Amino acid sequence: MRMRILLAAAMLVGMTHGAWAQPAGQSVAPGAAAAPDLPSYARILEDAENRLRQAEQAASHAPVQHQGGAISGSRIELMREARAAQDSVQRVPTSFAGNEAYRNADRELRETLSSVVTAQRGGGEGSMQAAEKAVQIIAGLRQQVLQAAGGTGAPAPAQPAAGSGR
C-alpha cells in the first residue's frame, strides 16, 4: 500500500523515472521558449536555483511522509521545483546549447533528479543530498553562463559542472 501511495504521488507530480529524460536533440522544455541570450539565461538559472534551494530547505524541516505513508507536501513541492529547475536549464539559448559545460550540467542534473525521485520512493533516504547536488549543478552552470556572457561572447571553456565527482 505504501509503495502505491508513493508511486501515485510521484505520477501526480509527473516525476516517474523516465520523466527527466528529454528526447535526443530537444534542448528546450516543451512549452518553454529558449532564453534569448546568455544574461537572460543566467537570470532564469538563478531563479530556478533559488526556488529549488527554498523548496529543499522547506523539505529538510518537514517529515518525509505523513500518516499512512503519503509523501509530505513539502517533499512533493521539492519534486515539483526539481522538475521546474530541469525545465529552466533546458531553456538554453541556441548559441550555448552545444557548450560542454551545458551538456555536462544537463546530463548530471537529469541523473541527480532521477535519484531524488528514486530516493523519495525508497523512503526519502538520500533525497535531500541529491536535491543539494542539483542546486550545486545549477549554480555551477550559472557561473559558466555568466563567464561566457561577460567574456568575448565565446562559449566558456569546457569545465566539469559543479557537483561533478568524476
N, C-alpha and C. Protein backbone atom coordinates (compact mmCIF):
# COMPACT_ATOMS: atom_id res chain seq x y z
N MET A 1 0.83 -1.19 0.00
CA MET A 1 0.00 0.00 0.00
C MET A 1 0.87 1.26 0.00
N ARG A 2 1.91 1.26 0.83
CA ARG A 2 2.78 2.43 0.93
C ARG A 2 3.42 2.74 -0.41
N MET A 3 3.91 1.72 -1.11
CA MET A 3 4.55 1.94 -2.41
C MET A 3 3.53 2.49 -3.41
N ARG A 4 2.30 2.03 -3.35
CA ARG A 4 1.28 2.55 -4.26
C ARG A 4 1.04 4.03 -4.01
N ILE A 5 1.03 4.42 -2.75
CA ILE A 5 0.82 5.82 -2.42
C ILE A 5 1.99 6.66 -2.93
N LEU A 6 3.21 6.17 -2.70
CA LEU A 6 4.38 6.89 -3.18
C LEU A 6 4.40 6.99 -4.70
N LEU A 7 4.10 5.90 -5.37
CA LEU A 7 4.09 5.89 -6.82
C LEU A 7 3.00 6.82 -7.36
N ALA A 8 1.84 6.78 -6.74
CA ALA A 8 0.75 7.65 -7.18
C ALA A 8 1.13 9.12 -7.00
N ALA A 9 1.76 9.45 -5.89
CA ALA A 9 2.18 10.83 -5.67
C ALA A 9 3.21 11.25 -6.71
N ALA A 10 4.16 10.37 -6.99
CA ALA A 10 5.18 10.69 -7.99
C ALA A 10 4.56 10.87 -9.37
N MET A 11 3.61 10.04 -9.70
CA MET A 11 2.97 10.16 -11.02
C MET A 11 2.13 11.43 -11.09
N LEU A 12 1.48 11.80 -9.99
CA LEU A 12 0.71 13.03 -9.98
C LEU A 12 1.59 14.24 -10.25
N VAL A 13 2.80 14.19 -9.78
CA VAL A 13 3.73 15.29 -9.98
C VAL A 13 4.39 15.19 -11.33
N GLY A 14 4.22 14.07 -12.02
CA GLY A 14 4.84 13.89 -13.32
C GLY A 14 6.31 13.53 -13.21
N MET A 15 6.64 12.77 -12.18
CA MET A 15 8.04 12.52 -11.89
C MET A 15 8.41 11.05 -11.97
N THR A 16 7.88 10.30 -12.87
CA THR A 16 8.34 8.94 -13.00
C THR A 16 9.77 8.96 -13.49
N HIS A 17 10.51 7.90 -13.28
CA HIS A 17 11.94 7.86 -13.57
C HIS A 17 12.26 8.38 -14.96
N GLY A 18 11.53 8.00 -15.97
CA GLY A 18 11.81 8.44 -17.34
C GLY A 18 11.39 9.86 -17.63
N ALA A 19 10.67 10.49 -16.72
CA ALA A 19 10.17 11.85 -16.97
C ALA A 19 11.29 12.87 -17.06
N TRP A 20 12.47 12.56 -16.51
CA TRP A 20 13.57 13.52 -16.55
C TRP A 20 14.27 13.52 -17.89
N ALA A 21 14.16 12.44 -18.61
CA ALA A 21 14.90 12.34 -19.87
C ALA A 21 14.20 13.16 -20.95
N GLN A 22 14.98 13.86 -21.72
CA GLN A 22 14.46 14.59 -22.87
C GLN A 22 14.84 13.82 -24.12
N PRO A 23 13.97 13.84 -25.12
CA PRO A 23 14.35 13.19 -26.37
C PRO A 23 15.63 13.79 -26.93
N ALA A 24 16.42 12.97 -27.59
CA ALA A 24 17.69 13.44 -28.15
C ALA A 24 17.45 14.63 -29.06
N GLY A 25 18.29 15.63 -28.91
CA GLY A 25 18.18 16.81 -29.76
C GLY A 25 17.21 17.86 -29.25
N GLN A 26 16.45 17.55 -28.21
CA GLN A 26 15.50 18.52 -27.68
C GLN A 26 16.16 19.23 -26.52
N SER A 27 16.50 20.50 -26.71
CA SER A 27 17.21 21.23 -25.66
C SER A 27 16.30 22.17 -24.89
N VAL A 28 15.11 22.42 -25.38
CA VAL A 28 14.19 23.33 -24.70
C VAL A 28 13.00 22.53 -24.21
N ALA A 29 12.61 22.78 -22.98
CA ALA A 29 11.48 22.10 -22.40
C ALA A 29 10.22 22.39 -23.22
N PRO A 30 9.34 21.41 -23.36
CA PRO A 30 8.11 21.65 -24.11
C PRO A 30 7.33 22.81 -23.52
N GLY A 31 6.91 23.71 -24.36
CA GLY A 31 6.10 24.84 -23.92
C GLY A 31 6.90 26.02 -23.39
N ALA A 32 8.20 25.88 -23.28
CA ALA A 32 9.03 26.98 -22.78
C ALA A 32 9.97 27.44 -23.89
N ALA A 33 10.03 28.73 -24.06
CA ALA A 33 10.91 29.29 -25.09
C ALA A 33 12.34 29.34 -24.57
N ALA A 34 13.27 29.16 -25.48
CA ALA A 34 14.67 29.29 -25.13
C ALA A 34 14.94 30.73 -24.70
N ALA A 35 15.87 30.90 -23.79
CA ALA A 35 16.26 32.25 -23.40
C ALA A 35 16.86 32.96 -24.61
N PRO A 36 16.61 34.25 -24.77
CA PRO A 36 17.10 34.94 -25.96
C PRO A 36 18.61 35.18 -25.96
N ASP A 37 19.21 35.20 -24.76
CA ASP A 37 20.64 35.47 -24.69
C ASP A 37 21.19 34.92 -23.37
N LEU A 38 22.50 34.98 -23.21
CA LEU A 38 23.14 34.42 -22.02
C LEU A 38 22.77 35.16 -20.73
N PRO A 39 22.73 36.49 -20.71
CA PRO A 39 22.32 37.14 -19.46
C PRO A 39 20.89 36.75 -19.02
N SER A 40 20.00 36.62 -19.97
CA SER A 40 18.63 36.19 -19.64
C SER A 40 18.64 34.76 -19.11
N TYR A 41 19.43 33.91 -19.73
CA TYR A 41 19.55 32.52 -19.30
C TYR A 41 20.13 32.45 -17.89
N ALA A 42 21.11 33.27 -17.59
CA ALA A 42 21.70 33.30 -16.25
C ALA A 42 20.64 33.68 -15.21
N ARG A 43 19.77 34.62 -15.56
CA ARG A 43 18.69 35.01 -14.63
C ARG A 43 17.69 33.88 -14.44
N ILE A 44 17.38 33.16 -15.51
CA ILE A 44 16.47 32.01 -15.42
C ILE A 44 17.08 30.95 -14.49
N LEU A 45 18.37 30.70 -14.67
CA LEU A 45 19.05 29.71 -13.83
C LEU A 45 19.09 30.15 -12.36
N GLU A 46 19.34 31.44 -12.14
CA GLU A 46 19.39 31.95 -10.77
C GLU A 46 18.03 31.79 -10.09
N ASP A 47 16.97 32.09 -10.82
CA ASP A 47 15.62 31.93 -10.28
C ASP A 47 15.34 30.46 -9.95
N ALA A 48 15.70 29.56 -10.86
CA ALA A 48 15.49 28.13 -10.63
C ALA A 48 16.30 27.64 -9.44
N GLU A 49 17.53 28.11 -9.36
CA GLU A 49 18.40 27.74 -8.23
C GLU A 49 17.79 28.20 -6.91
N ASN A 50 17.31 29.43 -6.86
CA ASN A 50 16.72 29.96 -5.62
C ASN A 50 15.45 29.21 -5.23
N ARG A 51 14.58 28.95 -6.21
CA ARG A 51 13.34 28.23 -5.91
C ARG A 51 13.63 26.81 -5.42
N LEU A 52 14.59 26.14 -6.07
CA LEU A 52 14.93 24.78 -5.66
C LEU A 52 15.56 24.78 -4.27
N ARG A 53 16.41 25.74 -4.00
CA ARG A 53 17.04 25.84 -2.67
C ARG A 53 15.98 26.07 -1.59
N GLN A 54 15.00 26.95 -1.86
CA GLN A 54 13.94 27.20 -0.88
C GLN A 54 13.11 25.95 -0.64
N ALA A 55 12.78 25.24 -1.72
CA ALA A 55 11.99 24.00 -1.57
C ALA A 55 12.79 22.95 -0.80
N GLU A 56 14.09 22.90 -1.07
CA GLU A 56 14.96 21.95 -0.36
C GLU A 56 14.99 22.28 1.13
N GLN A 57 15.14 23.55 1.46
CA GLN A 57 15.18 23.95 2.87
C GLN A 57 13.86 23.65 3.57
N ALA A 58 12.74 23.92 2.91
CA ALA A 58 11.43 23.62 3.49
C ALA A 58 11.26 22.12 3.70
N ALA A 59 11.68 21.34 2.73
CA ALA A 59 11.54 19.88 2.83
C ALA A 59 12.45 19.30 3.90
N SER A 60 13.59 19.93 4.13
CA SER A 60 14.52 19.40 5.13
C SER A 60 13.99 19.55 6.55
N HIS A 61 13.05 20.47 6.75
CA HIS A 61 12.48 20.70 8.08
C HIS A 61 11.12 20.04 8.25
N ALA A 62 10.70 19.27 7.28
CA ALA A 62 9.39 18.63 7.34
C ALA A 62 9.55 17.11 7.35
N PRO A 63 8.54 16.41 7.81
CA PRO A 63 8.63 14.95 7.78
C PRO A 63 8.66 14.45 6.33
N VAL A 64 9.31 13.31 6.13
CA VAL A 64 9.37 12.72 4.79
C VAL A 64 7.97 12.30 4.37
N GLN A 65 7.25 11.71 5.31
CA GLN A 65 5.91 11.21 5.00
C GLN A 65 4.94 11.61 6.10
N HIS A 66 3.67 11.67 5.71
CA HIS A 66 2.60 11.89 6.66
C HIS A 66 2.05 10.53 7.05
N GLN A 67 1.04 10.53 7.88
CA GLN A 67 0.40 9.29 8.29
C GLN A 67 -0.07 8.51 7.07
N GLY A 68 0.01 7.23 7.16
CA GLY A 68 -0.45 6.38 6.06
C GLY A 68 0.57 6.23 4.95
N GLY A 69 1.74 6.82 5.09
CA GLY A 69 2.78 6.64 4.10
C GLY A 69 2.76 7.63 2.95
N ALA A 70 1.84 8.59 2.98
CA ALA A 70 1.79 9.58 1.90
C ALA A 70 2.98 10.52 2.01
N ILE A 71 3.50 10.91 0.87
CA ILE A 71 4.62 11.84 0.83
C ILE A 71 4.15 13.19 1.36
N SER A 72 4.97 13.84 2.17
CA SER A 72 4.58 15.14 2.72
C SER A 72 4.50 16.18 1.61
N GLY A 73 3.71 17.19 1.86
CA GLY A 73 3.53 18.25 0.88
C GLY A 73 4.82 18.96 0.53
N SER A 74 5.70 19.13 1.51
CA SER A 74 6.96 19.81 1.22
C SER A 74 7.86 18.96 0.32
N ARG A 75 7.80 17.64 0.45
CA ARG A 75 8.59 16.77 -0.42
C ARG A 75 8.01 16.76 -1.84
N ILE A 76 6.69 16.81 -1.94
CA ILE A 76 6.06 16.91 -3.26
C ILE A 76 6.46 18.22 -3.92
N GLU A 77 6.46 19.31 -3.14
CA GLU A 77 6.86 20.61 -3.67
C GLU A 77 8.33 20.59 -4.11
N LEU A 78 9.16 19.90 -3.35
CA LEU A 78 10.57 19.77 -3.73
C LEU A 78 10.68 19.07 -5.09
N MET A 79 9.92 18.02 -5.29
CA MET A 79 9.96 17.32 -6.58
C MET A 79 9.43 18.20 -7.70
N ARG A 80 8.40 18.98 -7.44
CA ARG A 80 7.88 19.91 -8.46
C ARG A 80 8.93 20.94 -8.84
N GLU A 81 9.59 21.51 -7.84
CA GLU A 81 10.62 22.51 -8.12
C GLU A 81 11.82 21.90 -8.82
N ALA A 82 12.13 20.67 -8.49
CA ALA A 82 13.23 19.98 -9.18
C ALA A 82 12.90 19.82 -10.66
N ARG A 83 11.69 19.45 -10.96
CA ARG A 83 11.27 19.31 -12.36
C ARG A 83 11.28 20.67 -13.06
N ALA A 84 10.80 21.70 -12.37
CA ALA A 84 10.81 23.04 -12.95
C ALA A 84 12.24 23.52 -13.19
N ALA A 85 13.15 23.16 -12.30
CA ALA A 85 14.55 23.55 -12.47
C ALA A 85 15.13 22.88 -13.71
N GLN A 86 14.80 21.62 -13.92
CA GLN A 86 15.27 20.93 -15.13
C GLN A 86 14.72 21.63 -16.38
N ASP A 87 13.47 22.02 -16.34
CA ASP A 87 12.89 22.75 -17.46
C ASP A 87 13.62 24.08 -17.70
N SER A 88 13.97 24.76 -16.62
CA SER A 88 14.69 26.03 -16.74
C SER A 88 16.06 25.84 -17.36
N VAL A 89 16.77 24.81 -16.94
CA VAL A 89 18.09 24.52 -17.51
C VAL A 89 17.97 24.28 -19.00
N GLN A 90 16.91 23.66 -19.43
CA GLN A 90 16.75 23.32 -20.83
C GLN A 90 16.27 24.50 -21.68
N ARG A 91 16.12 25.67 -21.09
CA ARG A 91 15.79 26.88 -21.84
C ARG A 91 17.04 27.56 -22.38
N VAL A 92 18.07 26.78 -22.55
CA VAL A 92 19.38 27.25 -23.00
C VAL A 92 19.28 27.94 -24.36
N PRO A 93 19.94 29.08 -24.52
CA PRO A 93 19.96 29.72 -25.84
C PRO A 93 20.68 28.80 -26.83
N THR A 94 20.27 28.85 -28.06
CA THR A 94 20.87 28.01 -29.10
C THR A 94 22.38 28.17 -29.15
N SER A 95 22.85 29.38 -28.94
CA SER A 95 24.29 29.65 -29.02
C SER A 95 25.09 28.93 -27.94
N PHE A 96 24.45 28.50 -26.86
CA PHE A 96 25.15 27.85 -25.75
C PHE A 96 24.82 26.37 -25.64
N ALA A 97 23.84 25.91 -26.42
CA ALA A 97 23.36 24.54 -26.30
C ALA A 97 24.44 23.50 -26.59
N GLY A 98 25.39 23.82 -27.43
CA GLY A 98 26.44 22.87 -27.75
C GLY A 98 27.63 22.94 -26.80
N ASN A 99 27.60 23.86 -25.85
CA ASN A 99 28.70 24.04 -24.92
C ASN A 99 28.82 22.81 -24.02
N GLU A 100 30.04 22.37 -23.81
CA GLU A 100 30.27 21.18 -22.99
C GLU A 100 29.80 21.38 -21.55
N ALA A 101 29.96 22.58 -21.01
CA ALA A 101 29.51 22.86 -19.64
C ALA A 101 28.00 22.65 -19.54
N TYR A 102 27.27 23.12 -20.55
CA TYR A 102 25.82 22.92 -20.55
C TYR A 102 25.47 21.44 -20.67
N ARG A 103 26.08 20.77 -21.63
CA ARG A 103 25.77 19.35 -21.84
C ARG A 103 26.05 18.52 -20.59
N ASN A 104 27.19 18.78 -19.94
CA ASN A 104 27.53 18.04 -18.72
C ASN A 104 26.55 18.34 -17.60
N ALA A 105 26.24 19.62 -17.41
CA ALA A 105 25.31 20.01 -16.34
C ALA A 105 23.93 19.42 -16.59
N ASP A 106 23.47 19.45 -17.83
CA ASP A 106 22.15 18.90 -18.17
C ASP A 106 22.10 17.41 -17.86
N ARG A 107 23.13 16.69 -18.28
CA ARG A 107 23.19 15.24 -18.03
C ARG A 107 23.25 14.95 -16.53
N GLU A 108 24.14 15.64 -15.82
CA GLU A 108 24.28 15.41 -14.39
C GLU A 108 23.00 15.77 -13.64
N LEU A 109 22.35 16.82 -14.07
CA LEU A 109 21.11 17.22 -13.42
C LEU A 109 20.02 16.18 -13.63
N ARG A 110 19.89 15.67 -14.85
CA ARG A 110 18.90 14.61 -15.09
C ARG A 110 19.17 13.41 -14.21
N GLU A 111 20.43 13.00 -14.12
CA GLU A 111 20.79 11.84 -13.28
C GLU A 111 20.49 12.12 -11.81
N THR A 112 20.84 13.30 -11.35
CA THR A 112 20.63 13.66 -9.96
C THR A 112 19.15 13.74 -9.62
N LEU A 113 18.37 14.34 -10.51
CA LEU A 113 16.94 14.47 -10.24
C LEU A 113 16.23 13.12 -10.29
N SER A 114 16.71 12.23 -11.13
CA SER A 114 16.17 10.87 -11.12
C SER A 114 16.44 10.21 -9.77
N SER A 115 17.60 10.49 -9.20
CA SER A 115 17.92 9.90 -7.90
C SER A 115 17.08 10.52 -6.78
N VAL A 116 16.64 11.77 -6.94
CA VAL A 116 15.73 12.37 -5.96
C VAL A 116 14.44 11.57 -5.92
N VAL A 117 13.89 11.28 -7.09
CA VAL A 117 12.64 10.54 -7.17
C VAL A 117 12.82 9.12 -6.65
N THR A 118 13.90 8.47 -7.06
CA THR A 118 14.17 7.10 -6.60
C THR A 118 14.33 7.08 -5.08
N ALA A 119 15.07 8.03 -4.54
CA ALA A 119 15.28 8.10 -3.09
C ALA A 119 13.96 8.35 -2.37
N GLN A 120 13.13 9.21 -2.94
CA GLN A 120 11.85 9.50 -2.31
C GLN A 120 10.97 8.25 -2.29
N ARG A 121 10.99 7.50 -3.36
CA ARG A 121 10.21 6.25 -3.40
C ARG A 121 10.71 5.26 -2.37
N GLY A 122 12.00 5.31 -2.08
CA GLY A 122 12.60 4.38 -1.12
C GLY A 122 12.51 4.87 0.31
N GLY A 123 11.69 5.84 0.60
CA GLY A 123 11.51 6.31 1.96
C GLY A 123 12.18 7.65 2.24
N GLY A 124 12.79 8.25 1.24
CA GLY A 124 13.35 9.58 1.40
C GLY A 124 14.83 9.63 1.69
N GLU A 125 15.44 8.50 2.01
CA GLU A 125 16.87 8.47 2.34
C GLU A 125 17.69 8.91 1.13
N GLY A 126 18.45 9.97 1.30
CA GLY A 126 19.32 10.47 0.23
C GLY A 126 18.68 11.50 -0.67
N SER A 127 17.39 11.73 -0.53
CA SER A 127 16.75 12.69 -1.44
C SER A 127 17.22 14.12 -1.17
N MET A 128 17.51 14.46 0.07
CA MET A 128 17.95 15.82 0.37
C MET A 128 19.36 16.06 -0.15
N GLN A 129 20.22 15.04 -0.07
CA GLN A 129 21.57 15.18 -0.60
C GLN A 129 21.52 15.34 -2.12
N ALA A 130 20.64 14.61 -2.77
CA ALA A 130 20.50 14.73 -4.21
C ALA A 130 19.95 16.10 -4.59
N ALA A 131 19.03 16.62 -3.81
CA ALA A 131 18.48 17.95 -4.09
C ALA A 131 19.56 19.01 -3.93
N GLU A 132 20.40 18.88 -2.91
CA GLU A 132 21.50 19.83 -2.73
C GLU A 132 22.48 19.75 -3.90
N LYS A 133 22.75 18.54 -4.37
CA LYS A 133 23.64 18.39 -5.52
C LYS A 133 23.04 19.07 -6.75
N ALA A 134 21.72 18.95 -6.92
CA ALA A 134 21.05 19.60 -8.05
C ALA A 134 21.22 21.12 -7.97
N VAL A 135 21.09 21.69 -6.78
CA VAL A 135 21.29 23.13 -6.60
C VAL A 135 22.71 23.51 -7.00
N GLN A 136 23.69 22.70 -6.59
CA GLN A 136 25.09 22.98 -6.92
C GLN A 136 25.35 22.89 -8.42
N ILE A 137 24.73 21.94 -9.08
CA ILE A 137 24.90 21.80 -10.53
C ILE A 137 24.37 23.05 -11.24
N ILE A 138 23.19 23.50 -10.85
CA ILE A 138 22.60 24.68 -11.47
C ILE A 138 23.46 25.91 -11.19
N ALA A 139 23.96 26.04 -9.96
CA ALA A 139 24.82 27.18 -9.61
C ALA A 139 26.10 27.16 -10.45
N GLY A 140 26.67 25.98 -10.64
CA GLY A 140 27.88 25.87 -11.46
C GLY A 140 27.63 26.23 -12.91
N LEU A 141 26.50 25.78 -13.44
CA LEU A 141 26.15 26.13 -14.82
C LEU A 141 25.93 27.63 -14.94
N ARG A 142 25.26 28.22 -13.96
CA ARG A 142 25.02 29.67 -14.00
C ARG A 142 26.35 30.42 -14.03
N GLN A 143 27.32 29.96 -13.27
CA GLN A 143 28.64 30.61 -13.28
C GLN A 143 29.30 30.50 -14.65
N GLN A 144 29.18 29.36 -15.29
CA GLN A 144 29.72 29.17 -16.64
C GLN A 144 29.03 30.10 -17.63
N VAL A 145 27.73 30.25 -17.50
CA VAL A 145 26.97 31.13 -18.38
C VAL A 145 27.40 32.58 -18.17
N LEU A 146 27.56 32.97 -16.92
CA LEU A 146 27.99 34.35 -16.63
C LEU A 146 29.39 34.61 -17.19
N GLN A 147 30.28 33.64 -17.10
CA GLN A 147 31.61 33.79 -17.68
C GLN A 147 31.51 33.99 -19.18
N ALA A 148 30.70 33.17 -19.82
CA ALA A 148 30.54 33.26 -21.27
C ALA A 148 29.90 34.59 -21.66
N ALA A 149 28.95 35.06 -20.88
CA ALA A 149 28.27 36.32 -21.18
C ALA A 149 29.18 37.52 -20.96
N GLY A 150 30.05 37.44 -19.99
CA GLY A 150 30.91 38.57 -19.67
C GLY A 150 32.17 38.63 -20.50
N GLY A 151 32.50 37.54 -21.15
CA GLY A 151 33.72 37.48 -21.94
C GLY A 151 33.51 38.04 -23.33
N THR A 152 34.17 37.45 -24.28
CA THR A 152 34.11 37.91 -25.66
C THR A 152 32.85 37.45 -26.37
N GLY A 153 32.01 36.75 -25.64
CA GLY A 153 30.81 36.19 -26.27
C GLY A 153 31.05 34.77 -26.72
N ALA A 154 32.29 34.32 -26.64
CA ALA A 154 32.60 32.94 -26.99
C ALA A 154 32.16 32.04 -25.85
N PRO A 155 31.84 30.78 -26.14
CA PRO A 155 31.45 29.87 -25.09
C PRO A 155 32.56 29.74 -24.04
N ALA A 156 32.14 29.52 -22.81
CA ALA A 156 33.10 29.34 -21.72
C ALA A 156 33.92 28.08 -21.96
N PRO A 157 35.15 28.06 -21.48
CA PRO A 157 35.96 26.85 -21.64
C PRO A 157 35.26 25.67 -20.99
N ALA A 158 35.40 24.51 -21.57
CA ALA A 158 34.74 23.31 -21.05
C ALA A 158 35.37 22.95 -19.72
N GLN A 159 34.53 22.91 -18.70
CA GLN A 159 34.94 22.51 -17.37
C GLN A 159 33.86 21.60 -16.83
N PRO A 160 34.23 20.69 -15.94
CA PRO A 160 33.18 19.85 -15.35
C PRO A 160 32.18 20.72 -14.60
N ALA A 161 30.94 20.33 -14.66
CA ALA A 161 29.89 21.07 -13.95
C ALA A 161 30.08 20.90 -12.46
N ALA A 162 29.59 21.88 -11.70
CA ALA A 162 29.69 21.80 -10.24
C ALA A 162 29.02 20.54 -9.77
N GLY A 163 29.57 19.95 -8.75
CA GLY A 163 28.98 18.74 -8.20
C GLY A 163 29.49 17.50 -8.89
N SER A 164 30.33 17.66 -9.88
CA SER A 164 30.84 16.51 -10.60
C SER A 164 31.98 15.89 -9.83
N GLY A 165 31.81 14.68 -9.41
CA GLY A 165 32.85 14.00 -8.66
C GLY A 165 33.63 13.07 -9.55
N ARG A 166 33.56 13.30 -10.83
CA ARG A 166 34.20 12.35 -11.75
C ARG A 166 35.43 12.90 -12.35
